[in-house]
Amino acid sequence: MSILKKRIGNVVLLFTSMLMAGVFFSHVNVADAKSSKVYVQAGVETADQYSKLEDPIIIQQGRILLPIREISDYLSLNVSWNQKTKSATLYGVNKEIKLTHGSKTAYVDKKKVLLDVPLQMEKGKIYVPLQFVASSVKQKVTWDRTLKTILIPRTYAKGTADQMTYWIKLTTGELFQAKTNQIGTKIGQVSKRFKTMREFEVEKIAAGTYYLRMEESFGMAGTSRNTGQVLVKNGKVLDEDSFSFQGYYEDTTLHKSHGNVLLTNGKQARFLDKNGKVIALYNLTDIMQKDEIYMVEHYNQRMLILREYASQHLIVYNVQSDNAAYVHELITLPESEREYLEQAGFDRNNEMVRDHIIFFNSIIDGVMTFHYKNKSNNMVNTYTLDLSQI
């Protein structure tokens, strides 16, 4: 197994698979832990991510305690604090954990459990025993003494909006939902399997209707990418789509237009209303007659602005005339800039910085404006194009 060394601050971390996790917390050396900069590794398979702890750890009776907010973040849990009873409750997928300040009695799914060390307060922050919380959600957390690293496997990604939380199980695509201070229960499944995603966006579209947007980048250079969208209404998945692609450039796909949400697999795009009804559908590969991945950057009833991902060329599609064209072929670019864009489009791997490409700005009375930073002098110029020309 190959090992990639990465230096963070004064500590050298070795990226390995979770199979090389190290020793259990029961063997942690207090002096080692307290004298080290401790990082948390949370990953799926070999897709590892490291996060530096924001607050110092507490070690008591050989047990590591971390701030409850950090533990809940790493383990994809929601937290509720009752100031009157000095008790904290963590909610996750099919799981409820309750701890009380100073008490060695905890409750997991309403069942009494005895703790080695109780919940504690330190400088106004709530600390809970990491090993107990992790094992309660069936996570095997380990301490690597050699690397001075806490290793936490990630099972779920989480997203929250308007007191509604969603979880996606990375390896299976199972989708769970819960209102505030409730246990997450399964409502469906998404087709995409994710690797490193920690959180995703959730937006309330209407009463009971939520739009989920997921994306992640992974791999040695972060050029492997997954993206997806889900529309949920009243605890039911109405529709979903996703796609994968490779490259340095991000997913620039819009999410909403005129109150409708976008679902796309990179080759087909459909706009849905809040009830899941398809308002408009476009086969993107038919527009330019090329089997490529396309990002939808702008949409109205008259036009689509697309970006051909591999080349990063911008495309205008006139919905009414059913015609499309590359923007760089129509606007009044200097010939040298047009030639540069054509050449760069053949191999965008040599152009990792997303500077010298054309960006759509606006459309007013049928006239579109675009911005482009010239390769020759790095000056940003504005160009116009009338939609009627297409």
Protein backbone atom coordinates (compact mmCIF):
# COMPACT_ATOMS: atom_id res chain seq x y z
CA MET A 1 0.00 0.00 0.00
CA SER A 2 1.39 3.36 -0.98
CA ILE A 3 1.62 6.12 1.62
CA LEU A 4 1.36 9.82 0.90
CA LYS A 5 3.04 12.11 3.40
CA LYS A 6 1.39 15.43 4.11
CA ARG A 7 2.78 18.02 6.53
CA ILE A 8 0.27 20.00 8.55
CA GLY A 9 1.89 22.51 10.90
CA ASN A 10 4.60 20.69 12.82
CA VAL A 11 3.01 17.26 12.50
CA VAL A 12 3.52 14.81 9.65
CA LEU A 13 0.34 12.85 8.96
CA LEU A 14 0.39 9.65 6.93
CA PHE A 15 -2.63 9.05 4.73
CA THR A 16 -3.52 5.36 4.92
CA SER A 17 -6.65 3.28 4.77
CA MET A 18 -8.74 2.68 7.86
CA LEU A 19 -7.27 -0.82 8.00
CA MET A 20 -4.12 0.68 9.54
CA ALA A 21 -6.06 2.36 12.31
CA GLY A 22 -3.67 1.76 15.24
CA VAL A 23 -4.53 0.97 18.85
CA PHE A 24 -7.72 1.37 20.87
CA PHE A 25 -8.41 4.28 23.19
CA SER A 26 -8.01 2.06 26.22
CA HIS A 27 -4.26 2.05 25.51
CA VAL A 28 -3.92 5.79 25.05
CA ASN A 29 -0.96 7.36 26.83
CA VAL A 30 -2.04 10.53 28.62
CA ALA A 31 1.31 12.26 28.22
CA ASP A 32 1.42 11.47 24.50
CA ALA A 33 -2.07 12.81 23.88
CA LYS A 34 -1.72 15.98 25.93
CA SER A 35 1.66 16.89 24.44
CA SER A 36 0.58 16.33 20.85
CA LYS A 37 -1.32 18.26 18.26
CA VAL A 38 -4.24 15.95 17.72
CA TYR A 39 -6.02 15.69 14.39
CA VAL A 40 -9.18 13.86 13.52
CA GLN A 41 -9.26 11.62 10.48
CA ALA A 42 -12.72 10.94 9.10
CA GLY A 43 -12.98 8.94 5.94
CA VAL A 44 -14.60 6.22 3.90
CA GLU A 45 -12.37 3.46 2.51
CA THR A 46 -9.16 5.26 1.51
CA ALA A 47 -10.78 8.64 0.94
CA ASP A 48 -9.43 10.26 4.10
CA GLN A 49 -9.84 13.79 5.42
CA TYR A 50 -8.04 15.38 8.36
CA SER A 51 -9.40 18.08 10.64
CA LYS A 52 -7.52 19.82 13.42
CA LEU A 53 -9.40 19.92 16.71
CA GLU A 54 -10.44 23.44 17.65
CA ASP A 55 -10.35 22.84 21.42
CA PRO A 56 -8.05 20.88 23.76
CA ILE A 57 -9.02 17.34 24.63
CA ILE A 58 -9.68 16.09 28.16
CA ILE A 59 -8.28 12.74 29.24
CA GLN A 60 -9.73 11.14 32.36
CA GLN A 61 -9.28 7.54 33.50
CA GLY A 62 -7.80 6.73 30.11
CA ARG A 63 -10.86 8.09 28.31
CA ILE A 64 -10.77 10.91 25.78
CA LEU A 65 -13.46 13.59 26.06
CA LEU A 66 -14.11 16.05 23.24
CA PRO A 67 -16.47 19.02 22.91
CA ILE A 68 -19.92 17.74 22.08
CA ARG A 69 -20.21 20.02 19.06
CA GLU A 70 -17.11 18.49 17.49
CA ILE A 71 -18.17 14.92 18.23
CA SER A 72 -21.63 15.55 16.80
CA ASP A 73 -20.08 17.08 13.70
CA TYR A 74 -17.73 14.17 13.06
CA LEU A 75 -20.41 11.55 13.75
CA SER A 76 -23.23 13.41 11.92
CA LEU A 77 -25.41 13.88 15.01
CA ASN A 78 -27.76 16.66 16.10
CA VAL A 79 -27.40 18.09 19.62
CA SER A 80 -30.00 19.37 22.08
CA TRP A 81 -28.98 20.93 25.43
CA ASN A 82 -31.38 21.28 28.36
CA GLN A 83 -29.98 24.01 30.60
CA LYS A 84 -32.44 23.26 33.40
CA THR A 85 -31.49 19.58 33.76
CA LYS A 86 -27.90 20.06 32.51
CA SER A 87 -28.44 17.21 30.07
CA ALA A 88 -27.43 16.76 26.44
CA THR A 89 -29.24 14.62 23.90
CA LEU A 90 -27.71 13.56 20.60
CA TYR A 91 -29.91 12.46 17.73
CA GLY A 92 -28.79 10.45 14.72
CA VAL A 93 -30.01 7.82 12.31
CA ASN A 94 -32.16 5.44 14.37
CA LYS A 95 -30.32 6.62 17.49
CA GLU A 96 -30.87 8.77 20.61
CA ILE A 97 -28.17 9.29 23.27
CA LYS A 98 -28.74 11.22 26.50
CA LEU A 99 -26.06 12.27 29.01
CA THR A 100 -26.30 14.45 32.12
CA HIS A 101 -23.63 16.67 33.65
CA GLY A 102 -21.78 14.88 36.45
CA SER A 103 -23.76 11.65 36.10
CA LYS A 104 -22.29 8.29 35.12
CA THR A 105 -25.71 7.15 33.98
CA ALA A 106 -26.54 7.65 30.31
CA TYR A 107 -29.36 6.46 28.10
CA VAL A 108 -29.03 4.98 24.62
CA ASP A 109 -32.39 4.55 22.91
CA LYS A 110 -34.04 4.93 26.36
CA LYS A 111 -31.92 2.11 27.83
CA LYS A 112 -29.70 2.82 30.85
CA VAL A 113 -25.93 2.60 30.31
CA LEU A 114 -23.16 3.15 32.89
CA LEU A 115 -20.27 5.44 31.95
CA ASP A 116 -16.64 5.33 33.03
CA VAL A 117 -16.54 9.15 32.93
CA PRO A 118 -19.54 11.51 32.80
CA LEU A 119 -20.35 14.55 30.71
CA GLN A 120 -18.27 17.52 31.91
CA MET A 121 -18.16 21.29 31.52
CA GLU A 122 -14.87 23.00 30.71
CA LYS A 123 -14.60 26.75 30.07
CA GLY A 124 -18.27 26.93 29.16
CA LYS A 125 -18.12 24.01 26.74
CA ILE A 126 -19.75 20.60 27.04
CA TYR A 127 -17.36 17.64 26.89
CA VAL A 128 -18.53 14.05 26.38
CA PRO A 129 -16.63 10.73 26.21
CA LEU A 130 -15.79 10.10 22.57
CA GLN A 131 -15.50 6.33 22.77
CA PHE A 132 -18.93 5.97 24.38
CA VAL A 133 -20.72 8.18 21.86
CA ALA A 134 -18.96 6.57 18.90
CA SER A 135 -19.67 3.01 20.04
CA SER A 136 -23.31 3.95 20.66
CA VAL A 137 -23.64 4.73 16.95
CA LYS A 138 -21.59 1.63 16.08
CA GLN A 139 -18.45 3.49 15.04
CA LYS A 140 -15.02 2.09 15.87
CA VAL A 141 -12.93 5.09 16.88
CA THR A 142 -9.22 4.54 17.49
CA TRP A 143 -6.16 6.40 18.76
CA ASP A 144 -2.99 6.12 16.69
CA ARG A 145 -0.19 6.78 19.18
CA THR A 146 2.51 6.93 16.51
CA LEU A 147 0.72 9.50 14.38
CA LYS A 148 -0.88 11.32 17.35
CA THR A 149 -4.16 10.98 15.48
CA ILE A 150 -7.75 10.17 16.39
CA LEU A 151 -9.32 8.11 13.60
CA ILE A 152 -13.06 8.36 13.05
CA PRO A 153 -14.74 6.53 10.16
CA ARG A 154 -17.54 8.50 8.55
CA THR A 155 -20.79 6.71 7.74
CA TYR A 156 -23.20 9.56 7.00
CA ALA A 157 -23.26 13.00 5.43
CA LYS A 158 -25.74 15.47 6.91
CA GLY A 159 -27.66 18.53 5.80
CA THR A 160 -30.09 20.76 7.74
CA ALA A 161 -32.51 23.56 6.91
CA ASP A 162 -35.53 25.04 8.67
CA GLN A 163 -35.44 22.54 11.56
CA MET A 164 -35.33 19.55 9.20
CA THR A 165 -32.28 17.28 8.96
CA TYR A 166 -31.37 14.78 6.26
CA TRP A 167 -28.69 12.09 6.31
CA ILE A 168 -27.25 10.12 3.40
CA LYS A 169 -25.44 6.87 4.12
CA LEU A 170 -22.35 7.17 1.96
CA THR A 171 -21.92 3.52 1.03
CA THR A 172 -25.55 2.69 0.25
CA GLY A 173 -27.25 5.96 -0.68
CA GLU A 174 -29.98 5.44 1.93
CA LEU A 175 -31.73 8.71 2.78
CA PHE A 176 -32.99 9.54 6.29
CA GLN A 177 -35.02 12.46 7.64
CA ALA A 178 -35.85 13.94 11.06
CA LYS A 179 -37.37 17.07 12.50
CA THR A 180 -35.53 18.93 15.27
CA ASN A 181 -34.83 16.74 18.32
CA GLN A 182 -36.07 13.58 16.67
CA ILE A 183 -34.44 10.35 15.54
CA GLY A 184 -33.65 10.03 11.84
CA THR A 185 -35.71 7.45 9.95
CA LYS A 186 -35.35 6.15 6.41
CA ILE A 187 -37.47 7.78 3.70
CA GLY A 188 -35.82 6.51 0.52
CA GLN A 189 -32.59 6.16 -1.37
CA VAL A 190 -30.41 8.10 -3.80
CA SER A 191 -28.65 6.41 -6.71
CA LYS A 192 -25.20 7.92 -6.18
CA ARG A 193 -22.68 6.48 -3.70
CA PHE A 194 -20.49 9.10 -2.06
CA LYS A 195 -17.03 8.76 -0.52
CA THR A 196 -15.85 11.85 1.36
CA MET A 197 -18.93 14.08 1.61
CA ARG A 198 -19.35 15.48 5.11
CA GLU A 199 -22.35 17.73 4.62
CA PHE A 200 -24.68 18.84 1.86
CA GLU A 201 -27.05 21.72 1.19
CA VAL A 202 -30.74 21.57 2.07
CA GLU A 203 -33.22 24.25 1.01
CA LYS A 204 -36.88 24.53 1.93
CA ILE A 205 -38.86 25.09 -1.27
CA ALA A 206 -42.38 25.07 0.19
CA ALA A 207 -44.21 23.67 3.20
CA GLY A 208 -42.98 20.09 3.55
CA THR A 209 -40.85 20.30 0.38
CA TYR A 210 -37.05 20.29 0.46
CA TYR A 211 -34.36 20.37 -2.21
CA LEU A 212 -31.08 18.59 -1.45
CA ARG A 213 -27.84 19.34 -3.31
CA MET A 214 -24.81 17.10 -2.87
CA GLU A 215 -21.30 17.41 -4.23
CA GLU A 216 -17.85 16.13 -3.37
CA SER A 217 -14.35 15.96 -4.81
CA PHE A 218 -11.88 13.23 -3.95
CA GLY A 219 -8.82 11.38 -5.20
CA MET A 220 -5.16 12.37 -4.97
CA ALA A 221 -5.66 15.69 -6.77
CA GLY A 222 -9.33 16.17 -5.90
CA THR A 223 -10.28 15.82 -9.55
CA SER A 224 -12.79 12.98 -9.14
CA ARG A 225 -16.20 14.55 -8.55
CA ASN A 226 -19.71 13.43 -7.66
CA THR A 227 -22.77 15.65 -7.67
CA GLY A 228 -26.48 15.06 -7.16
CA GLN A 229 -29.87 16.58 -6.39
CA VAL A 230 -32.97 15.27 -4.59
CA LEU A 231 -36.49 16.67 -4.27
CA VAL A 232 -38.36 15.53 -1.14
CA LYS A 233 -41.98 16.28 -0.21
CA ASN A 234 -43.66 15.22 3.03
CA GLY A 235 -41.05 12.58 3.75
CA LYS A 236 -41.12 11.06 0.26
CA VAL A 237 -38.48 11.26 -2.48
CA LEU A 238 -40.26 12.72 -5.52
CA ASP A 239 -37.28 12.61 -7.87
CA GLU A 240 -33.49 12.59 -7.86
CA ASP A 241 -30.53 12.56 -10.23
CA SER A 242 -26.74 12.63 -10.15
CA PHE A 243 -23.56 12.23 -12.15
CA SER A 244 -19.80 11.83 -11.86
CA PHE A 245 -17.06 13.62 -13.76
CA GLN A 246 -13.32 14.23 -13.76
CA GLY A 247 -11.48 17.54 -13.82
CA TYR A 248 -10.04 20.52 -11.98
CA TYR A 249 -13.09 22.68 -12.61
CA GLU A 250 -16.05 22.80 -10.23
CA ASP A 251 -19.66 21.99 -10.92
CA THR A 252 -21.17 25.33 -11.97
CA THR A 253 -24.71 24.04 -12.45
CA LEU A 254 -27.45 26.35 -11.19
CA HIS A 255 -29.98 24.93 -8.76
CA LYS A 256 -33.17 26.94 -9.16
CA SER A 257 -34.78 29.10 -11.81
CA HIS A 258 -38.11 30.94 -11.55
CA GLY A 259 -39.10 28.88 -8.52
CA ASN A 260 -38.37 25.55 -10.18
CA VAL A 261 -35.55 23.21 -9.16
CA LEU A 262 -33.06 21.51 -11.46
CA LEU A 263 -32.34 17.80 -11.59
CA THR A 264 -29.59 16.76 -13.98
CA ASN A 265 -27.29 13.87 -14.81
CA GLY A 266 -25.02 16.08 -16.89
CA LYS A 267 -26.60 14.94 -20.15
CA GLN A 268 -30.26 15.62 -19.48
CA ALA A 269 -31.74 18.50 -17.46
CA ARG A 270 -35.26 18.81 -16.14
CA PHE A 271 -36.89 21.57 -14.13
CA LEU A 272 -39.50 20.55 -11.55
CA ASP A 273 -42.02 22.56 -9.57
CA LYS A 274 -42.56 22.14 -5.82
CA ASN A 275 -44.87 19.17 -6.43
CA GLY A 276 -42.36 17.30 -8.56
CA LYS A 277 -44.06 18.07 -11.89
CA VAL A 278 -41.62 18.40 -14.79
CA ILE A 279 -41.96 21.93 -16.19
CA ALA A 280 -39.22 21.64 -18.82
CA LEU A 281 -36.88 18.90 -20.02
CA TYR A 282 -33.79 19.18 -22.23
CA ASN A 283 -31.55 16.49 -23.70
CA LEU A 284 -28.27 18.38 -23.42
CA THR A 285 -26.24 16.05 -25.64
CA ASP A 286 -28.67 16.68 -28.51
CA ILE A 287 -28.17 20.44 -28.39
CA MET A 288 -24.57 20.36 -29.69
CA GLN A 289 -24.71 16.77 -30.96
CA LYS A 290 -21.83 15.83 -28.65
CA ASP A 291 -21.82 13.18 -25.92
CA GLU A 292 -20.31 15.35 -23.18
CA ILE A 293 -21.08 16.45 -19.63
CA TYR A 294 -22.84 19.83 -19.58
CA MET A 295 -23.41 22.26 -16.73
CA VAL A 296 -26.58 24.38 -16.85
CA GLU A 297 -25.53 27.89 -15.76
CA HIS A 298 -28.63 29.91 -16.69
CA TYR A 299 -32.18 29.17 -17.77
CA ASN A 300 -35.31 31.02 -18.75
CA GLN A 301 -38.12 30.24 -21.16
CA ARG A 302 -36.15 31.71 -24.05
CA MET A 303 -32.65 30.36 -23.53
CA LEU A 304 -30.21 28.03 -21.84
CA ILE A 305 -26.61 28.85 -21.00
CA LEU A 306 -24.56 25.65 -20.91
CA ARG A 307 -20.92 24.92 -20.18
CA GLU A 308 -19.33 21.98 -21.94
CA TYR A 309 -17.31 20.66 -19.03
CA ALA A 310 -14.39 19.02 -20.83
CA SER A 311 -13.56 22.11 -22.91
CA GLN A 312 -15.11 24.74 -20.59
CA HIS A 313 -16.66 26.33 -23.70
CA LEU A 314 -19.82 28.34 -23.03
CA ILE A 315 -22.90 27.59 -25.16
CA VAL A 316 -26.07 29.59 -25.82
CA TYR A 317 -29.15 27.60 -26.75
CA ASN A 318 -32.12 29.54 -28.15
CA VAL A 319 -35.12 27.55 -26.96
CA GLN A 320 -37.53 29.17 -29.41
CA SER A 321 -35.43 28.69 -32.55
CA ASP A 322 -33.92 25.38 -31.34
CA ASN A 323 -30.45 26.61 -32.35
CA ALA A 324 -27.24 26.62 -30.33
CA ALA A 325 -23.73 28.00 -30.72
CA TYR A 326 -20.44 28.35 -28.87
CA VAL A 327 -20.18 31.87 -27.45
CA HIS A 328 -16.49 32.27 -28.33
CA GLU A 329 -17.34 31.77 -32.01
CA LEU A 330 -19.87 34.62 -32.04
CA ILE A 331 -18.60 37.43 -29.81
CA THR A 332 -15.96 39.86 -31.07
CA LEU A 333 -12.92 38.32 -29.42
CA PRO A 334 -9.45 39.08 -30.76
CA GLU A 335 -8.41 36.27 -33.08
CA SER A 336 -5.52 35.30 -30.80
CA GLU A 337 -7.91 34.87 -27.85
CA ARG A 338 -10.32 32.79 -29.91
CA GLU A 339 -7.46 30.56 -31.02
CA TYR A 340 -6.30 30.22 -27.42
CA LEU A 341 -9.76 29.12 -26.27
CA GLU A 342 -10.01 26.61 -29.10
CA GLN A 343 -6.60 25.15 -28.26
CA ALA A 344 -7.16 25.12 -24.49
CA GLY A 345 -10.48 23.37 -25.02
CA PHE A 346 -8.71 20.31 -26.40
CA ASP A 347 -6.94 19.67 -23.07
CA ARG A 348 -8.14 21.63 -20.07
CA ASN A 349 -5.89 19.55 -17.78
CA ASN A 350 -3.11 21.94 -18.74
CA GLU A 351 -5.21 24.92 -17.57
CA MET A 352 -5.94 24.25 -13.90
CA VAL A 353 -6.79 27.88 -13.04
CA ARG A 354 -10.31 28.82 -14.06
CA ASP A 355 -9.38 32.30 -15.23
CA HIS A 356 -9.41 32.47 -19.00
CA ILE A 357 -12.87 31.21 -19.87
CA ILE A 358 -16.02 33.09 -20.85
CA PHE A 359 -18.62 33.85 -18.17
CA PHE A 360 -22.26 34.73 -18.71
CA ASN A 361 -23.25 37.95 -16.93
CA SER A 362 -26.83 38.95 -17.79
CA ILE A 363 -29.55 39.26 -20.41
CA ILE A 364 -31.61 42.43 -20.85
CA ASP A 365 -34.18 42.83 -23.64
CA GLY A 366 -32.72 39.88 -25.48
CA VAL A 367 -29.13 41.17 -25.35
CA MET A 368 -26.68 38.99 -23.43
CA THR A 369 -23.45 40.21 -21.86
CA PHE A 370 -20.38 38.09 -21.19
CA HIS A 371 -17.09 38.65 -19.37
CA TYR A 372 -13.73 37.29 -20.45
CA LYS A 373 -10.23 37.86 -19.06
CA ASN A 374 -7.81 38.07 -21.96
CA LYS A 375 -4.94 35.62 -21.84
CA SER A 376 -2.57 38.17 -23.37
CA ASN A 377 -2.92 40.96 -20.78
CA ASN A 378 -5.26 39.64 -18.03
CA MET A 379 -7.71 42.46 -18.71
CA VAL A 380 -11.41 41.64 -18.22
CA ASN A 381 -13.54 42.77 -21.15
CA THR A 382 -17.30 42.75 -21.65
CA TYR A 383 -18.89 41.40 -24.82
CA THR A 384 -22.49 41.46 -26.02
CA LEU A 385 -24.54 39.08 -28.11
CA ASP A 386 -28.14 39.37 -29.29
CA LEU A 387 -30.14 36.21 -28.74
CA SER A 388 -31.83 36.72 -32.10
CA GLN A 389 -28.48 35.97 -33.78
CA ILE A 390 -28.80 32.34 -32.71
